Full PDB file with SEQRES, HELIX, SHEET, SSBOND, CRYST1, ORIGX, SCALE, CONECT and MASTER records, all heavy atoms in Angstrom:
SEQRES   1 A   38  ALA ASP GLU ALA THR LYS ARG SER PHE VAL GLU TRP LEU          
SEQRES   2 A   38  ASP ARG ALA GLY PHE GLY ARG GLY LYS VAL THR TYR ARG          
SEQRES   3 A   38  LEU ARG ASP TRP LEU ILE SER ARG GLN ARG TYR TRP              
HELIX    1 AA1 GLU A    3  ALA A   16  1                                  14    
CRYST1    1.000    1.000    1.000  90.00  90.00  90.00 P 1           1          
ORIGX1      1.000000  0.000000  0.000000        0.00000                         
ORIGX2      0.000000  1.000000  0.000000        0.00000                         
ORIGX3      0.000000  0.000000  1.000000        0.00000                         
SCALE1      1.000000  0.000000  0.000000        0.00000                         
SCALE2      0.000000  1.000000  0.000000        0.00000                         
SCALE3      0.000000  0.000000  1.000000        0.00000                         
ATOM      1  N   ALA A   1      -9.283  12.000  15.844  1.00  0.00           N  
ATOM      2  CA  ALA A   1      -8.171  11.232  15.286  1.00  0.00           C  
ATOM      3  C   ALA A   1      -8.377   9.759  15.606  1.00  0.00           C  
ATOM      4  O   ALA A   1      -7.924   9.265  16.639  1.00  0.00           O  
ATOM      5  CB  ALA A   1      -6.846  11.722  15.868  1.00  0.00           C  
ATOM      6  N   ASP A   2      -9.071   9.043  14.720  1.00  0.00           N  
ATOM      7  CA  ASP A   2      -9.250   7.610  14.933  1.00  0.00           C  
ATOM      8  C   ASP A   2      -9.338   6.897  13.581  1.00  0.00           C  
ATOM      9  O   ASP A   2      -9.292   7.523  12.518  1.00  0.00           O  
ATOM     10  CB  ASP A   2     -10.490   7.327  15.789  1.00  0.00           C  
ATOM     11  CG  ASP A   2     -11.784   7.892  15.170  1.00  0.00           C  
ATOM     12  OD1 ASP A   2     -11.810   8.122  13.937  1.00  0.00           O  
ATOM     13  OD2 ASP A   2     -12.759   8.098  15.918  1.00  0.00           O  
ATOM     14  N   GLU A   3      -9.445   5.576  13.628  1.00  0.00           N  
ATOM     15  CA  GLU A   3      -9.445   4.783  12.399  1.00  0.00           C  
ATOM     16  C   GLU A   3     -10.670   5.062  11.536  1.00  0.00           C  
ATOM     17  O   GLU A   3     -10.612   4.991  10.318  1.00  0.00           O  
ATOM     18  CB  GLU A   3      -9.369   3.286  12.750  1.00  0.00           C  
ATOM     19  CG  GLU A   3      -8.005   2.834  13.232  1.00  0.00           C  
ATOM     20  CD  GLU A   3      -6.920   3.064  12.191  1.00  0.00           C  
ATOM     21  OE1 GLU A   3      -7.115   2.679  11.025  1.00  0.00           O  
ATOM     22  OE2 GLU A   3      -5.880   3.641  12.544  1.00  0.00           O  
ATOM     23  N   ALA A   4     -11.798   5.395  12.162  1.00  0.00           N  
ATOM     24  CA  ALA A   4     -13.006   5.682  11.402  1.00  0.00           C  
ATOM     25  C   ALA A   4     -12.798   6.925  10.526  1.00  0.00           C  
ATOM     26  O   ALA A   4     -13.232   6.970   9.366  1.00  0.00           O  
ATOM     27  CB  ALA A   4     -14.187   5.893  12.347  1.00  0.00           C  
ATOM     28  N   THR A   5     -12.127   7.927  11.069  1.00  0.00           N  
ATOM     29  CA  THR A   5     -11.829   9.134  10.293  1.00  0.00           C  
ATOM     30  C   THR A   5     -10.910   8.810   9.129  1.00  0.00           C  
ATOM     31  O   THR A   5     -11.107   9.297   8.001  1.00  0.00           O  
ATOM     32  CB  THR A   5     -11.181  10.199  11.208  1.00  0.00           C  
ATOM     33  OG1 THR A   5     -12.121  10.577  12.216  1.00  0.00           O  
ATOM     34  CG2 THR A   5     -10.757  11.421  10.409  1.00  0.00           C  
ATOM     35  N   LYS A   6      -9.920   7.993   9.411  1.00  0.00           N  
ATOM     36  CA  LYS A   6      -8.994   7.585   8.355  1.00  0.00           C  
ATOM     37  C   LYS A   6      -9.741   6.878   7.221  1.00  0.00           C  
ATOM     38  O   LYS A   6      -9.505   7.158   6.034  1.00  0.00           O  
ATOM     39  CB  LYS A   6      -7.923   6.658   8.962  1.00  0.00           C  
ATOM     40  CG  LYS A   6      -6.808   6.258   8.043  1.00  0.00           C  
ATOM     41  CD  LYS A   6      -5.767   5.480   8.844  1.00  0.00           C  
ATOM     42  CE  LYS A   6      -4.796   4.763   7.966  1.00  0.00           C  
ATOM     43  NZ  LYS A   6      -3.813   3.979   8.727  1.00  0.00           N  
ATOM     44  N   ARG A   7     -10.666   6.005   7.575  1.00  0.00           N  
ATOM     45  CA  ARG A   7     -11.457   5.295   6.560  1.00  0.00           C  
ATOM     46  C   ARG A   7     -12.341   6.269   5.775  1.00  0.00           C  
ATOM     47  O   ARG A   7     -12.549   6.114   4.566  1.00  0.00           O  
ATOM     48  CB  ARG A   7     -12.301   4.195   7.208  1.00  0.00           C  
ATOM     49  CG  ARG A   7     -11.491   2.986   7.669  1.00  0.00           C  
ATOM     50  CD  ARG A   7     -12.413   1.826   8.000  1.00  0.00           C  
ATOM     51  NE  ARG A   7     -13.278   2.110   9.132  1.00  0.00           N  
ATOM     52  CZ  ARG A   7     -12.950   1.881  10.411  1.00  0.00           C  
ATOM     53  NH1 ARG A   7     -11.751   1.378  10.696  1.00  0.00           N  
ATOM     54  NH2 ARG A   7     -13.800   2.169  11.386  1.00  0.00           N  
ATOM     55  N   SER A   8     -12.863   7.286   6.477  1.00  0.00           N  
ATOM     56  CA  SER A   8     -13.694   8.283   5.800  1.00  0.00           C  
ATOM     57  C   SER A   8     -12.901   9.017   4.725  1.00  0.00           C  
ATOM     58  O   SER A   8     -13.409   9.300   3.637  1.00  0.00           O  
ATOM     59  CB  SER A   8     -14.243   9.297   6.817  1.00  0.00           C  
ATOM     60  OG  SER A   8     -15.113   8.667   7.738  1.00  0.00           O  
ATOM     61  N   PHE A   9     -11.660   9.335   5.031  1.00  0.00           N  
ATOM     62  CA  PHE A   9     -10.815  10.008   4.048  1.00  0.00           C  
ATOM     63  C   PHE A   9     -10.527   9.102   2.847  1.00  0.00           C  
ATOM     64  O   PHE A   9     -10.526   9.559   1.703  1.00  0.00           O  
ATOM     65  CB  PHE A   9      -9.497  10.453   4.693  1.00  0.00           C  
ATOM     66  CG  PHE A   9      -9.545  11.846   5.249  1.00  0.00           C  
ATOM     67  CD1 PHE A   9     -10.059  12.085   6.511  1.00  0.00           C  
ATOM     68  CD2 PHE A   9      -9.085  12.920   4.514  1.00  0.00           C  
ATOM     69  CE1 PHE A   9     -10.110  13.368   7.028  1.00  0.00           C  
ATOM     70  CE2 PHE A   9      -9.133  14.200   5.010  1.00  0.00           C  
ATOM     71  CZ  PHE A   9      -9.649  14.438   6.281  1.00  0.00           C  
ATOM     72  N   VAL A  10     -10.278   7.819   3.104  1.00  0.00           N  
ATOM     73  CA  VAL A  10     -10.008   6.880   2.012  1.00  0.00           C  
ATOM     74  C   VAL A  10     -11.222   6.788   1.100  1.00  0.00           C  
ATOM     75  O   VAL A  10     -11.099   6.813  -0.135  1.00  0.00           O  
ATOM     76  CB  VAL A  10      -9.621   5.489   2.557  1.00  0.00           C  
ATOM     77  CG1 VAL A  10      -9.545   4.466   1.423  1.00  0.00           C  
ATOM     78  CG2 VAL A  10      -8.281   5.555   3.292  1.00  0.00           C  
ATOM     79  N   GLU A  11     -12.419   6.708   1.697  1.00  0.00           N  
ATOM     80  CA  GLU A  11     -13.652   6.642   0.892  1.00  0.00           C  
ATOM     81  C   GLU A  11     -13.831   7.918   0.064  1.00  0.00           C  
ATOM     82  O   GLU A  11     -14.240   7.879  -1.096  1.00  0.00           O  
ATOM     83  CB  GLU A  11     -14.854   6.425   1.824  1.00  0.00           C  
ATOM     84  CG  GLU A  11     -14.868   5.043   2.470  1.00  0.00           C  
ATOM     85  CD  GLU A  11     -15.887   4.943   3.596  1.00  0.00           C  
ATOM     86  OE1 GLU A  11     -16.608   5.954   3.823  1.00  0.00           O  
ATOM     87  OE2 GLU A  11     -15.946   3.892   4.257  1.00  0.00           O  
ATOM     88  N   TRP A  12     -13.542   9.078   0.686  1.00  0.00           N  
ATOM     89  CA  TRP A  12     -13.669  10.349  -0.032  1.00  0.00           C  
ATOM     90  C   TRP A  12     -12.678  10.438  -1.195  1.00  0.00           C  
ATOM     91  O   TRP A  12     -13.030  10.857  -2.298  1.00  0.00           O  
ATOM     92  CB  TRP A  12     -13.430  11.500   0.952  1.00  0.00           C  
ATOM     93  CG  TRP A  12     -13.254  12.830   0.289  1.00  0.00           C  
ATOM     94  CD1 TRP A  12     -14.215  13.546  -0.359  1.00  0.00           C  
ATOM     95  CD2 TRP A  12     -12.050  13.585   0.202  1.00  0.00           C  
ATOM     96  NE1 TRP A  12     -13.684  14.722  -0.841  1.00  0.00           N  
ATOM     97  CE2 TRP A  12     -12.351  14.769  -0.512  1.00  0.00           C  
ATOM     98  CE3 TRP A  12     -10.760  13.399   0.675  1.00  0.00           C  
ATOM     99  CZ2 TRP A  12     -11.402  15.753  -0.770  1.00  0.00           C  
ATOM    100  CZ3 TRP A  12      -9.808  14.365   0.420  1.00  0.00           C  
ATOM    101  CH2 TRP A  12     -10.125  15.512  -0.303  1.00  0.00           C  
ATOM    102  N   LEU A  13     -11.416  10.008  -0.959  1.00  0.00           N  
ATOM    103  CA  LEU A  13     -10.407  10.018  -2.029  1.00  0.00           C  
ATOM    104  C   LEU A  13     -10.854   9.146  -3.193  1.00  0.00           C  
ATOM    105  O   LEU A  13     -10.696   9.513  -4.368  1.00  0.00           O  
ATOM    106  CB  LEU A  13      -9.068   9.504  -1.485  1.00  0.00           C  
ATOM    107  CG  LEU A  13      -8.302  10.434  -0.550  1.00  0.00           C  
ATOM    108  CD1 LEU A  13      -7.184   9.670   0.165  1.00  0.00           C  
ATOM    109  CD2 LEU A  13      -7.718  11.615  -1.310  1.00  0.00           C  
ATOM    110  N   ASP A  14     -11.443   8.016  -2.853  1.00  0.00           N  
ATOM    111  CA  ASP A  14     -11.896   7.084  -3.901  1.00  0.00           C  
ATOM    112  C   ASP A  14     -13.058   7.687  -4.704  1.00  0.00           C  
ATOM    113  O   ASP A  14     -13.067   7.633  -5.939  1.00  0.00           O  
ATOM    114  CB  ASP A  14     -12.309   5.767  -3.244  1.00  0.00           C  
ATOM    115  CG  ASP A  14     -12.586   4.672  -4.263  1.00  0.00           C  
ATOM    116  OD1 ASP A  14     -11.761   4.497  -5.174  1.00  0.00           O  
ATOM    117  OD2 ASP A  14     -13.631   4.013  -4.160  1.00  0.00           O  
ATOM    118  N   ARG A  15     -14.010   8.268  -4.016  1.00  0.00           N  
ATOM    119  CA  ARG A  15     -15.170   8.866  -4.701  1.00  0.00           C  
ATOM    120  C   ARG A  15     -14.734  10.028  -5.595  1.00  0.00           C  
ATOM    121  O   ARG A  15     -15.238  10.203  -6.707  1.00  0.00           O  
ATOM    122  CB  ARG A  15     -16.191   9.371  -3.682  1.00  0.00           C  
ATOM    123  CG  ARG A  15     -16.993   8.304  -2.998  1.00  0.00           C  
ATOM    124  CD  ARG A  15     -18.219   8.895  -2.317  1.00  0.00           C  
ATOM    125  NE  ARG A  15     -17.884  10.013  -1.431  1.00  0.00           N  
ATOM    126  CZ  ARG A  15     -17.582   9.897  -0.145  1.00  0.00           C  
ATOM    127  NH1 ARG A  15     -17.573   8.694   0.419  1.00  0.00           N  
ATOM    128  NH2 ARG A  15     -17.304  10.958   0.583  1.00  0.00           N  
ATOM    129  N   ALA A  16     -13.783  10.816  -5.096  1.00  0.00           N  
ATOM    130  CA  ALA A  16     -13.344  12.000  -5.840  1.00  0.00           C  
ATOM    131  C   ALA A  16     -12.364  11.655  -6.954  1.00  0.00           C  
ATOM    132  O   ALA A  16     -12.040  12.516  -7.778  1.00  0.00           O  
ATOM    133  CB  ALA A  16     -12.695  12.994  -4.875  1.00  0.00           C  
ATOM    134  N   GLY A  17     -11.883  10.408  -6.972  1.00  0.00           N  
ATOM    135  CA  GLY A  17     -10.938  10.003  -7.997  1.00  0.00           C  
ATOM    136  C   GLY A  17      -9.517  10.460  -7.729  1.00  0.00           C  
ATOM    137  O   GLY A  17      -8.668  10.461  -8.627  1.00  0.00           O  
ATOM    138  N   PHE A  18      -9.235  10.843  -6.455  1.00  0.00           N  
ATOM    139  CA  PHE A  18      -7.895  11.300  -6.101  1.00  0.00           C  
ATOM    140  C   PHE A  18      -6.968  10.151  -5.676  1.00  0.00           C  
ATOM    141  O   PHE A  18      -5.756  10.304  -5.664  1.00  0.00           O  
ATOM    142  CB  PHE A  18      -7.954  12.318  -4.950  1.00  0.00           C  
ATOM    143  CG  PHE A  18      -8.709  13.570  -5.276  1.00  0.00           C  
ATOM    144  CD1 PHE A  18      -9.405  14.247  -4.275  1.00  0.00           C  
ATOM    145  CD2 PHE A  18      -8.741  14.071  -6.564  1.00  0.00           C  
ATOM    146  CE1 PHE A  18     -10.098  15.414  -4.564  1.00  0.00           C  
ATOM    147  CE2 PHE A  18      -9.439  15.232  -6.859  1.00  0.00           C  
ATOM    148  CZ  PHE A  18     -10.126  15.904  -5.862  1.00  0.00           C  
ATOM    149  N   GLY A  19      -7.558   9.028  -5.277  1.00  0.00           N  
ATOM    150  CA  GLY A  19      -6.736   7.927  -4.767  1.00  0.00           C  
ATOM    151  C   GLY A  19      -7.595   6.747  -4.372  1.00  0.00           C  
ATOM    152  O   GLY A  19      -8.798   6.712  -4.634  1.00  0.00           O  
ATOM    153  N   ARG A  20      -6.951   5.800  -3.687  1.00  0.00           N  
ATOM    154  CA  ARG A  20      -7.676   4.608  -3.229  1.00  0.00           C  
ATOM    155  C   ARG A  20      -6.916   3.977  -2.068  1.00  0.00           C  
ATOM    156  O   ARG A  20      -5.713   4.198  -1.894  1.00  0.00           O  
ATOM    157  CB  ARG A  20      -7.810   3.583  -4.359  1.00  0.00           C  
ATOM    158  CG  ARG A  20      -6.507   3.076  -4.927  1.00  0.00           C  
ATOM    159  CD  ARG A  20      -6.735   2.139  -6.107  1.00  0.00           C  
ATOM    160  NE  ARG A  20      -5.495   1.718  -6.743  1.00  0.00           N  
ATOM    161  CZ  ARG A  20      -4.733   0.712  -6.335  1.00  0.00           C  
ATOM    162  NH1 ARG A  20      -5.084  -0.006  -5.272  1.00  0.00           N  
ATOM    163  NH2 ARG A  20      -3.643   0.391  -6.981  1.00  0.00           N  
ATOM    164  N   GLY A  21      -7.639   3.187  -1.273  1.00  0.00           N  
ATOM    165  CA  GLY A  21      -7.022   2.510  -0.142  1.00  0.00           C  
ATOM    166  C   GLY A  21      -5.996   1.486  -0.583  1.00  0.00           C  
ATOM    167  O   GLY A  21      -6.141   0.850  -1.633  1.00  0.00           O  
ATOM    168  N   LYS A  22      -4.952   1.305   0.212  1.00  0.00           N  
ATOM    169  CA  LYS A  22      -3.881   0.373  -0.148  1.00  0.00           C  
ATOM    170  C   LYS A  22      -3.190  -0.141   1.114  1.00  0.00           C  
ATOM    171  O   LYS A  22      -2.968   0.612   2.060  1.00  0.00           O  
ATOM    172  CB  LYS A  22      -2.858   1.081  -1.044  1.00  0.00           C  
ATOM    173  CG  LYS A  22      -1.667   0.258  -1.438  1.00  0.00           C  
ATOM    174  CD  LYS A  22      -2.049  -0.901  -2.347  1.00  0.00           C  
ATOM    175  CE  LYS A  22      -0.824  -1.695  -2.791  1.00  0.00           C  
ATOM    176  NZ  LYS A  22      -1.190  -2.891  -3.581  1.00  0.00           N  
ATOM    177  N   VAL A  23      -2.882  -1.439   1.102  1.00  0.00           N  
ATOM    178  CA  VAL A  23      -2.076  -2.048   2.157  1.00  0.00           C  
ATOM    179  C   VAL A  23      -0.698  -2.332   1.595  1.00  0.00           C  
ATOM    180  O   VAL A  23      -0.570  -2.927   0.512  1.00  0.00           O  
ATOM    181  CB  VAL A  23      -2.705  -3.356   2.686  1.00  0.00           C  
ATOM    182  CG1 VAL A  23      -1.797  -4.022   3.700  1.00  0.00           C  
ATOM    183  CG2 VAL A  23      -4.079  -3.070   3.290  1.00  0.00           C  
ATOM    184  N   THR A  24       0.350  -1.890   2.273  1.00  0.00           N  
ATOM    185  CA  THR A  24       1.721  -2.178   1.844  1.00  0.00           C  
ATOM    186  C   THR A  24       2.470  -2.877   2.980  1.00  0.00           C  
ATOM    187  O   THR A  24       1.999  -2.931   4.115  1.00  0.00           O  
ATOM    188  CB  THR A  24       2.487  -0.902   1.440  1.00  0.00           C  
ATOM    189  OG1 THR A  24       2.656  -0.086   2.603  1.00  0.00           O  
ATOM    190  CG2 THR A  24       1.754  -0.123   0.373  1.00  0.00           C  
ATOM    191  N   TYR A  25       3.640  -3.383   2.636  1.00  0.00           N  
ATOM    192  CA  TYR A  25       4.442  -4.124   3.601  1.00  0.00           C  
ATOM    193  C   TYR A  25       5.894  -3.669   3.536  1.00  0.00           C  
ATOM    194  O   TYR A  25       6.398  -3.321   2.463  1.00  0.00           O  
ATOM    195  CB  TYR A  25       4.386  -5.633   3.307  1.00  0.00           C  
ATOM    196  CG  TYR A  25       2.992  -6.190   3.346  1.00  0.00           C  
ATOM    197  CD1 TYR A  25       2.204  -6.224   2.200  1.00  0.00           C  
ATOM    198  CD2 TYR A  25       2.434  -6.649   4.540  1.00  0.00           C  
ATOM    199  CE1 TYR A  25       0.913  -6.705   2.231  1.00  0.00           C  
ATOM    200  CE2 TYR A  25       1.150  -7.139   4.582  1.00  0.00           C  
ATOM    201  CZ  TYR A  25       0.390  -7.166   3.430  1.00  0.00           C  
ATOM    202  OH  TYR A  25      -0.886  -7.640   3.470  1.00  0.00           O  
ATOM    203  N   ARG A  26       6.523  -3.684   4.682  1.00  0.00           N  
ATOM    204  CA  ARG A  26       7.962  -3.442   4.719  1.00  0.00           C  
ATOM    205  C   ARG A  26       8.700  -4.629   4.091  1.00  0.00           C  
ATOM    206  O   ARG A  26       9.755  -4.475   3.474  1.00  0.00           O  
ATOM    207  CB  ARG A  26       8.417  -3.251   6.170  1.00  0.00           C  
ATOM    208  CG  ARG A  26       9.902  -2.937   6.331  1.00  0.00           C  
ATOM    209  CD  ARG A  26      10.267  -2.877   7.810  1.00  0.00           C  
ATOM    210  NE  ARG A  26      11.679  -2.641   7.995  1.00  0.00           N  
ATOM    211  CZ  ARG A  26      12.232  -1.450   8.040  1.00  0.00           C  
ATOM    212  NH1 ARG A  26      11.493  -0.370   7.897  1.00  0.00           N  
ATOM    213  NH2 ARG A  26      13.539  -1.319   8.218  1.00  0.00           N  
ATOM    214  N   LEU A  27       8.126  -5.810   4.277  1.00  0.00           N  
ATOM    215  CA  LEU A  27       8.651  -7.032   3.670  1.00  0.00           C  
ATOM    216  C   LEU A  27       8.763  -6.836   2.163  1.00  0.00           C  
ATOM    217  O   LEU A  27       7.864  -6.303   1.526  1.00  0.00           O  
ATOM    218  CB  LEU A  27       7.709  -8.188   3.976  1.00  0.00           C  
ATOM    219  CG  LEU A  27       8.044  -9.563   3.379  1.00  0.00           C  
ATOM    220  CD1 LEU A  27       9.288 -10.130   4.037  1.00  0.00           C  
ATOM    221  CD2 LEU A  27       6.870 -10.512   3.549  1.00  0.00           C  
ATOM    222  N   ARG A  28       9.865  -7.260   1.595  1.00  0.00           N  
ATOM    223  CA  ARG A  28      10.070  -7.136   0.155  1.00  0.00           C  
ATOM    224  C   ARG A  28      10.173  -8.511  -0.480  1.00  0.00           C  
ATOM    225  O   ARG A  28      10.637  -9.472   0.147  1.00  0.00           O  
ATOM    226  CB  ARG A  28      11.374  -6.365  -0.126  1.00  0.00           C  
ATOM    227  CG  ARG A  28      11.309  -4.901   0.266  1.00  0.00           C  
ATOM    228  CD  ARG A  28      10.408  -4.129  -0.668  1.00  0.00           C  
ATOM    229  NE  ARG A  28      10.139  -2.782  -0.169  1.00  0.00           N  
ATOM    230  CZ  ARG A  28       9.056  -2.432   0.497  1.00  0.00           C  
ATOM    231  NH1 ARG A  28       8.136  -3.332   0.754  1.00  0.00           N  
ATOM    232  NH2 ARG A  28       8.870  -1.205   0.906  1.00  0.00           N  
ATOM    233  N   ASP A  29       9.735  -8.607  -1.724  1.00  0.00           N  
ATOM    234  CA  ASP A  29       9.920  -9.858  -2.446  1.00  0.00           C  
ATOM    235  C   ASP A  29      11.414 -10.151  -2.574  1.00  0.00           C  
ATOM    236  O   ASP A  29      12.238  -9.240  -2.658  1.00  0.00           O  
ATOM    237  CB  ASP A  29       9.271  -9.768  -3.830  1.00  0.00           C  
ATOM    238  CG  ASP A  29       7.760  -9.865  -3.754  1.00  0.00           C  
ATOM    239  OD1 ASP A  29       7.254 -10.358  -2.732  1.00  0.00           O  
ATOM    240  OD2 ASP A  29       7.085  -9.436  -4.705  1.00  0.00           O  
ATOM    241  N   TRP A  30      11.722 -11.451  -2.614  1.00  0.00           N  
ATOM    242  CA  TRP A  30      13.113 -11.914  -2.537  1.00  0.00           C  
ATOM    243  C   TRP A  30      13.755 -11.896  -3.928  1.00  0.00           C  
ATOM    244  O   TRP A  30      13.333 -12.608  -4.823  1.00  0.00           O  
ATOM    245  CB  TRP A  30      13.109 -13.318  -1.934  1.00  0.00           C  
ATOM    246  CG  TRP A  30      14.450 -13.938  -1.765  1.00  0.00           C  
ATOM    247  CD1 TRP A  30      15.663 -13.316  -1.693  1.00  0.00           C  
ATOM    248  CD2 TRP A  30      14.710 -15.342  -1.638  1.00  0.00           C  
ATOM    249  NE1 TRP A  30      16.666 -14.225  -1.521  1.00  0.00           N  
ATOM    250  CE2 TRP A  30      16.113 -15.478  -1.496  1.00  0.00           C  
ATOM    251  CE3 TRP A  30      13.919 -16.469  -1.624  1.00  0.00           C  
ATOM    252  CZ2 TRP A  30      16.721 -16.714  -1.335  1.00  0.00           C  
ATOM    253  CZ3 TRP A  30      14.517 -17.698  -1.478  1.00  0.00           C  
ATOM    254  CH2 TRP A  30      15.898 -17.815  -1.331  1.00  0.00           C  
ATOM    255  N   LEU A  31      14.788 -11.053  -4.066  1.00  0.00           N  
ATOM    256  CA  LEU A  31      15.530 -10.988  -5.316  1.00  0.00           C  
ATOM    257  C   LEU A  31      16.478 -12.186  -5.369  1.00  0.00           C  
ATOM    258  O   LEU A  31      17.342 -12.332  -4.512  1.00  0.00           O  
ATOM    259  CB  LEU A  31      16.312  -9.673  -5.381  1.00  0.00           C  
ATOM    260  CG  LEU A  31      16.959  -9.295  -6.714  1.00  0.00           C  
ATOM    261  CD1 LEU A  31      17.243  -7.800  -6.746  1.00  0.00           C  
ATOM    262  CD2 LEU A  31      18.247 -10.053  -6.976  1.00  0.00           C  
ATOM    263  N   ILE A  32      16.303 -13.060  -6.381  1.00  0.00           N  
ATOM    264  CA  ILE A  32      17.073 -14.316  -6.397  1.00  0.00           C  
ATOM    265  C   ILE A  32      18.063 -14.419  -7.547  1.00  0.00           C  
ATOM    266  O   ILE A  32      18.855 -15.363  -7.587  1.00  0.00           O  
ATOM    267  CB  ILE A  32      16.126 -15.540  -6.465  1.00  0.00           C  
ATOM    268  CG1 ILE A  32      15.291 -15.491  -7.750  1.00  0.00           C  
ATOM    269  CG2 ILE A  32      15.262 -15.618  -5.223  1.00  0.00           C  
ATOM    270  CD1 ILE A  32      14.554 -16.775  -8.044  1.00  0.00           C  
ATOM    271  N   SER A  33      18.049 -13.471  -8.494  1.00  0.00           N  
ATOM    272  CA  SER A  33      18.881 -13.697  -9.682  1.00  0.00           C  
ATOM    273  C   SER A  33      20.246 -13.037  -9.613  1.00  0.00           C  
ATOM    274  O   SER A  33      20.970 -12.985 -10.590  1.00  0.00           O  
ATOM    275  CB  SER A  33      18.137 -13.216 -10.937  1.00  0.00           C  
ATOM    276  OG  SER A  33      17.864 -11.842 -10.873  1.00  0.00           O  
ATOM    277  N   ARG A  34      20.646 -12.525  -8.461  1.00  0.00           N  
ATOM    278  CA  ARG A  34      21.961 -11.905  -8.342  1.00  0.00           C  
ATOM    279  C   ARG A  34      23.089 -12.936  -8.254  1.00  0.00           C  
ATOM    280  O   ARG A  34      24.258 -12.606  -8.363  1.00  0.00           O  
ATOM    281  CB  ARG A  34      22.029 -11.016  -7.107  1.00  0.00           C  
ATOM    282  CG  ARG A  34      21.937 -11.809  -5.812  1.00  0.00           C  
ATOM    283  CD  ARG A  34      22.473 -11.034  -4.623  1.00  0.00           C  
ATOM    284  NE  ARG A  34      22.333 -11.787  -3.398  1.00  0.00           N  
ATOM    285  CZ  ARG A  34      23.131 -12.775  -3.031  1.00  0.00           C  
ATOM    286  NH1 ARG A  34      24.131 -13.149  -3.814  1.00  0.00           N  
ATOM    287  NH2 ARG A  34      22.941 -13.425  -1.899  1.00  0.00           N  
ATOM    288  N   GLN A  35      22.747 -14.207  -8.021  1.00  0.00           N  
ATOM    289  CA  GLN A  35      23.753 -15.147  -7.563  1.00  0.00           C  
ATOM    290  C   GLN A  35      24.764 -15.599  -8.615  1.00  0.00           C  
ATOM    291  O   GLN A  35      25.862 -15.947  -8.296  1.00  0.00           O  
ATOM    292  CB  GLN A  35      23.084 -16.398  -6.970  1.00  0.00           C  
ATOM    293  CG  GLN A  35      22.349 -16.125  -5.671  1.00  0.00           C  
ATOM    294  CD  GLN A  35      20.887 -15.828  -5.897  1.00  0.00           C  
ATOM    295  OE1 GLN A  35      20.497 -15.399  -6.968  1.00  0.00           O  
ATOM    296  NE2 GLN A  35      20.077 -16.033  -4.886  1.00  0.00           N  
ATOM    297  N   ARG A  36      24.388 -15.620  -9.906  1.00  0.00           N  
ATOM    298  CA  ARG A  36      25.231 -16.237 -10.934  1.00  0.00           C  
ATOM    299  C   ARG A  36      25.582 -17.657 -10.510  1.00  0.00           C  
ATOM    300  O   ARG A  36      24.729 -18.534 -10.487  1.00  0.00           O  
ATOM    301  CB  ARG A  36      26.481 -15.398 -11.211  1.00  0.00           C  
ATOM    302  CG  ARG A  36      26.201 -14.281 -12.194  1.00  0.00           C  
ATOM    303  CD  ARG A  36      27.414 -13.473 -12.510  1.00  0.00           C  
ATOM    304  NE  ARG A  36      28.271 -14.106 -13.484  1.00  0.00           N  
ATOM    305  CZ  ARG A  36      29.312 -13.510 -14.011  1.00  0.00           C  
ATOM    306  NH1 ARG A  36      29.613 -12.279 -13.637  1.00  0.00           N  
ATOM    307  NH2 ARG A  36      30.062 -14.114 -14.895  1.00  0.00           N  
ATOM    308  N   TYR A  37      26.822 -17.933 -10.139  1.00  0.00           N  
ATOM    309  CA  TYR A  37      27.185 -19.288  -9.708  1.00  0.00           C  
ATOM    310  C   TYR A  37      26.644 -19.617  -8.316  1.00  0.00           C  
ATOM    311  O   TYR A  37      26.897 -20.680  -7.795  1.00  0.00           O  
ATOM    312  CB  TYR A  37      28.709 -19.450  -9.701  1.00  0.00           C  
ATOM    313  CG  TYR A  37      29.303 -19.654 -11.071  1.00  0.00           C  
ATOM    314  CD1 TYR A  37      30.070 -18.662 -11.664  1.00  0.00           C  
ATOM    315  CD2 TYR A  37      29.082 -20.828 -11.787  1.00  0.00           C  
ATOM    316  CE1 TYR A  37      30.617 -18.831 -12.919  1.00  0.00           C  
ATOM    317  CE2 TYR A  37      29.620 -21.007 -13.047  1.00  0.00           C  
ATOM    318  CZ  TYR A  37      30.392 -20.012 -13.607  1.00  0.00           C  
ATOM    319  OH  TYR A  37      30.927 -20.184 -14.840  1.00  0.00           O  
ATOM    320  N   TRP A  38      25.932 -18.660  -7.704  1.00  0.00           N  
ATOM    321  CA  TRP A  38      25.537 -18.861  -6.312  1.00  0.00           C  
ATOM    322  C   TRP A  38      24.251 -19.677  -6.172  1.00  0.00           C  
ATOM    323  O   TRP A  38      23.805 -19.976  -5.080  1.00  0.00           O  
ATOM    324  CB  TRP A  38      25.356 -17.501  -5.625  1.00  0.00           C  
ATOM    325  CG  TRP A  38      25.534 -17.570  -4.152  1.00  0.00           C  
ATOM    326  CD1 TRP A  38      24.601 -17.954  -3.240  1.00  0.00           C  
ATOM    327  CD2 TRP A  38      26.712 -17.266  -3.406  1.00  0.00           C  
ATOM    328  NE1 TRP A  38      25.117 -17.908  -1.980  1.00  0.00           N  
ATOM    329  CE2 TRP A  38      26.419 -17.492  -2.042  1.00  0.00           C  
ATOM    330  CE3 TRP A  38      27.979 -16.838  -3.732  1.00  0.00           C  
ATOM    331  CZ2 TRP A  38      27.344 -17.288  -1.032  1.00  0.00           C  
ATOM    332  CZ3 TRP A  38      28.891 -16.633  -2.724  1.00  0.00           C  
ATOM    333  CH2 TRP A  38      28.582 -16.853  -1.401  1.00  0.00           C  
TER     334      TRP A  38                                                      
MASTER        0    0    0    1    0    0    0    6  333    1    0    3          
END                                                                             
């Protein structure tokens, strides 16, 4: 159970066409159009 194993799975998913590596964030883009007069 280490990062190298995790990378091996990502490479396998990509080769097999099942998926691909991805970085996501908890941070969300800022929704600005709710304000109306705000």
